[in-house]
Amino acid sequence: MPVYEYQCKACGETFDLFVRSATQRTEPACPKCGSTKVEKAVSLFGVGSSSASRDTGTSCGPGPI
């Protein structure tokens, strides 16, 4: 179930929206001003690196106990 990032054309607010289904028909509305004049923003999810991924090559699992 994807999370999309939107930007409101009315007030400029950027917000995330959890979408339960690709066939969901409801218009997203800005949580700040209530406008439905929003557009999907370019999301940077998963871009870049973290210090954890540069460690000793461990996976995402739990660390040493």
N, C-alpha and C. Protein backbone atom coordinates (compact mmCIF):
# COMPACT_ATOMS: atom_id res chain seq x y z
N MET A 1 0.85 -1.17 0.00
CA MET A 1 0.00 0.00 0.00
C MET A 1 0.90 1.24 0.00
N PRO A 2 0.89 1.96 -1.09
CA PRO A 2 1.84 3.06 -1.25
C PRO A 2 1.45 4.33 -0.47
N VAL A 3 2.47 5.11 -0.22
CA VAL A 3 2.30 6.44 0.37
C VAL A 3 2.75 7.43 -0.70
N TYR A 4 1.86 8.34 -1.06
CA TYR A 4 2.19 9.33 -2.07
C TYR A 4 2.41 10.68 -1.42
N GLU A 5 3.27 11.47 -2.02
CA GLU A 5 3.53 12.82 -1.53
C GLU A 5 2.84 13.80 -2.49
N TYR A 6 2.10 14.72 -1.92
CA TYR A 6 1.37 15.72 -2.70
C TYR A 6 1.79 17.12 -2.30
N GLN A 7 1.57 18.06 -3.22
CA GLN A 7 1.77 19.47 -2.91
C GLN A 7 0.50 20.22 -3.31
N CYS A 8 0.02 21.05 -2.37
CA CYS A 8 -1.20 21.82 -2.58
C CYS A 8 -0.88 23.02 -3.46
N LYS A 9 -1.66 23.21 -4.52
CA LYS A 9 -1.48 24.36 -5.40
C LYS A 9 -2.02 25.64 -4.78
N ALA A 10 -2.93 25.51 -3.82
CA ALA A 10 -3.54 26.69 -3.19
C ALA A 10 -2.63 27.33 -2.15
N CYS A 11 -2.04 26.49 -1.25
CA CYS A 11 -1.25 27.07 -0.16
C CYS A 11 0.21 26.64 -0.15
N GLY A 12 0.58 25.68 -1.01
CA GLY A 12 1.96 25.24 -1.08
C GLY A 12 2.35 24.15 -0.10
N GLU A 13 1.42 23.71 0.74
CA GLU A 13 1.70 22.67 1.74
C GLU A 13 2.06 21.36 1.05
N THR A 14 3.08 20.67 1.56
CA THR A 14 3.45 19.36 1.09
C THR A 14 3.03 18.35 2.14
N PHE A 15 2.36 17.27 1.71
CA PHE A 15 1.88 16.28 2.66
C PHE A 15 1.90 14.89 2.05
N ASP A 16 1.93 13.88 2.90
CA ASP A 16 1.92 12.49 2.48
C ASP A 16 0.51 11.94 2.61
N LEU A 17 0.17 11.01 1.71
CA LEU A 17 -1.15 10.39 1.75
C LEU A 17 -1.00 8.90 1.55
N PHE A 18 -1.50 8.13 2.50
CA PHE A 18 -1.52 6.68 2.43
C PHE A 18 -2.68 6.26 1.55
N VAL A 19 -2.41 5.50 0.49
CA VAL A 19 -3.45 5.08 -0.45
C VAL A 19 -3.66 3.58 -0.29
N ARG A 20 -4.87 3.20 0.10
CA ARG A 20 -5.18 1.79 0.36
C ARG A 20 -5.26 0.97 -0.91
N SER A 21 -5.67 1.56 -2.03
CA SER A 21 -5.88 0.82 -3.26
C SER A 21 -5.60 1.71 -4.46
N ALA A 22 -5.09 1.12 -5.51
CA ALA A 22 -4.83 1.88 -6.73
C ALA A 22 -6.13 2.36 -7.36
N THR A 23 -7.25 1.74 -7.00
CA THR A 23 -8.55 2.14 -7.56
C THR A 23 -9.29 3.12 -6.67
N GLN A 24 -8.62 3.58 -5.61
CA GLN A 24 -9.26 4.55 -4.71
C GLN A 24 -9.61 5.81 -5.50
N ARG A 25 -10.85 6.24 -5.44
CA ARG A 25 -11.34 7.33 -6.27
C ARG A 25 -11.45 8.66 -5.53
N THR A 26 -11.20 8.70 -4.25
CA THR A 26 -11.37 9.95 -3.51
C THR A 26 -10.27 10.94 -3.89
N GLU A 27 -10.67 12.18 -4.04
CA GLU A 27 -9.72 13.25 -4.34
C GLU A 27 -8.95 13.59 -3.06
N PRO A 28 -7.62 13.63 -3.13
CA PRO A 28 -6.89 14.03 -1.94
C PRO A 28 -7.13 15.51 -1.64
N ALA A 29 -7.21 15.84 -0.37
CA ALA A 29 -7.42 17.22 0.05
C ALA A 29 -6.28 17.65 0.95
N CYS A 30 -5.88 18.88 0.84
CA CYS A 30 -4.81 19.44 1.66
C CYS A 30 -5.24 19.48 3.13
N PRO A 31 -4.42 18.94 4.04
CA PRO A 31 -4.79 18.96 5.45
C PRO A 31 -4.70 20.36 6.07
N LYS A 32 -4.00 21.27 5.41
CA LYS A 32 -3.84 22.62 5.94
C LYS A 32 -5.00 23.54 5.55
N CYS A 33 -5.36 23.56 4.25
CA CYS A 33 -6.39 24.49 3.80
C CYS A 33 -7.65 23.81 3.27
N GLY A 34 -7.60 22.48 3.06
CA GLY A 34 -8.77 21.75 2.60
C GLY A 34 -8.96 21.74 1.09
N SER A 35 -8.09 22.40 0.35
CA SER A 35 -8.23 22.45 -1.10
C SER A 35 -7.98 21.09 -1.73
N THR A 36 -8.71 20.79 -2.80
CA THR A 36 -8.47 19.55 -3.55
C THR A 36 -7.61 19.83 -4.79
N LYS A 37 -7.10 21.04 -4.89
CA LYS A 37 -6.19 21.38 -5.99
C LYS A 37 -4.78 21.00 -5.59
N VAL A 38 -4.51 19.68 -5.68
CA VAL A 38 -3.20 19.15 -5.29
C VAL A 38 -2.61 18.36 -6.45
N GLU A 39 -1.30 18.22 -6.44
CA GLU A 39 -0.65 17.40 -7.45
C GLU A 39 0.41 16.55 -6.78
N LYS A 40 0.66 15.38 -7.37
CA LYS A 40 1.69 14.50 -6.83
C LYS A 40 3.03 15.21 -6.95
N ALA A 41 3.78 15.16 -5.87
CA ALA A 41 5.11 15.77 -5.86
C ALA A 41 6.14 14.70 -6.14
N VAL A 42 7.33 15.12 -6.54
CA VAL A 42 8.43 14.19 -6.73
C VAL A 42 8.90 13.78 -5.34
N SER A 43 8.79 12.51 -5.04
CA SER A 43 9.15 12.01 -3.72
C SER A 43 10.59 11.54 -3.72
N LEU A 44 11.29 11.84 -2.64
CA LEU A 44 12.67 11.42 -2.52
C LEU A 44 12.81 10.20 -1.63
N PHE A 45 11.72 9.45 -1.48
CA PHE A 45 11.73 8.25 -0.64
C PHE A 45 12.77 7.26 -1.16
N GLY A 46 13.63 6.81 -0.27
CA GLY A 46 14.60 5.79 -0.62
C GLY A 46 15.81 6.31 -1.37
N VAL A 47 15.95 7.60 -1.53
CA VAL A 47 17.09 8.18 -2.23
C VAL A 47 18.12 8.61 -1.20
N GLY A 48 19.37 8.40 -1.52
CA GLY A 48 20.43 8.80 -0.60
C GLY A 48 20.93 7.60 0.17
N SER A 49 21.71 7.89 1.20
CA SER A 49 22.26 6.79 1.99
C SER A 49 22.24 7.18 3.45
N SER A 50 22.34 6.19 4.27
CA SER A 50 22.41 6.42 5.71
C SER A 50 23.67 5.78 6.24
N SER A 51 24.04 6.15 7.43
CA SER A 51 25.23 5.57 8.02
C SER A 51 25.06 4.07 8.23
N ALA A 52 23.83 3.62 8.48
CA ALA A 52 23.59 2.19 8.69
C ALA A 52 23.91 1.38 7.44
N SER A 53 23.62 1.92 6.26
CA SER A 53 23.87 1.16 5.04
C SER A 53 25.35 1.14 4.69
N ARG A 54 26.14 2.02 5.29
CA ARG A 54 27.57 2.05 5.01
C ARG A 54 28.37 1.27 6.03
N ASP A 55 27.68 0.70 7.03
CA ASP A 55 28.38 -0.08 8.05
C ASP A 55 28.99 -1.32 7.43
N THR A 56 29.13 -2.34 8.17
CA THR A 56 29.87 -3.53 7.76
C THR A 56 29.10 -4.45 6.81
N GLY A 57 28.17 -3.92 6.08
CA GLY A 57 27.44 -4.73 5.12
C GLY A 57 26.32 -5.54 5.74
N THR A 58 25.88 -5.17 6.91
CA THR A 58 24.80 -5.90 7.54
C THR A 58 23.49 -5.62 6.85
N SER A 59 22.55 -6.52 7.02
CA SER A 59 21.24 -6.32 6.43
C SER A 59 20.38 -5.44 7.33
N CYS A 60 19.12 -5.32 6.99
CA CYS A 60 18.19 -4.51 7.76
C CYS A 60 17.71 -5.21 9.02
N GLY A 61 18.16 -6.40 9.27
CA GLY A 61 17.72 -7.16 10.43
C GLY A 61 18.27 -6.57 11.73
N PRO A 62 17.93 -7.20 12.84
CA PRO A 62 18.39 -6.69 14.13
C PRO A 62 19.91 -6.79 14.26
N GLY A 63 20.45 -5.92 15.04
CA GLY A 63 21.90 -5.90 15.25
C GLY A 63 22.33 -6.97 16.21
N PRO A 64 23.59 -6.98 16.60
CA PRO A 64 24.10 -7.97 17.54
C PRO A 64 23.39 -7.89 18.88
N ILE A 65 23.22 -9.03 19.47
CA ILE A 65 22.54 -9.09 20.77
C ILE A 65 23.56 -9.17 21.88
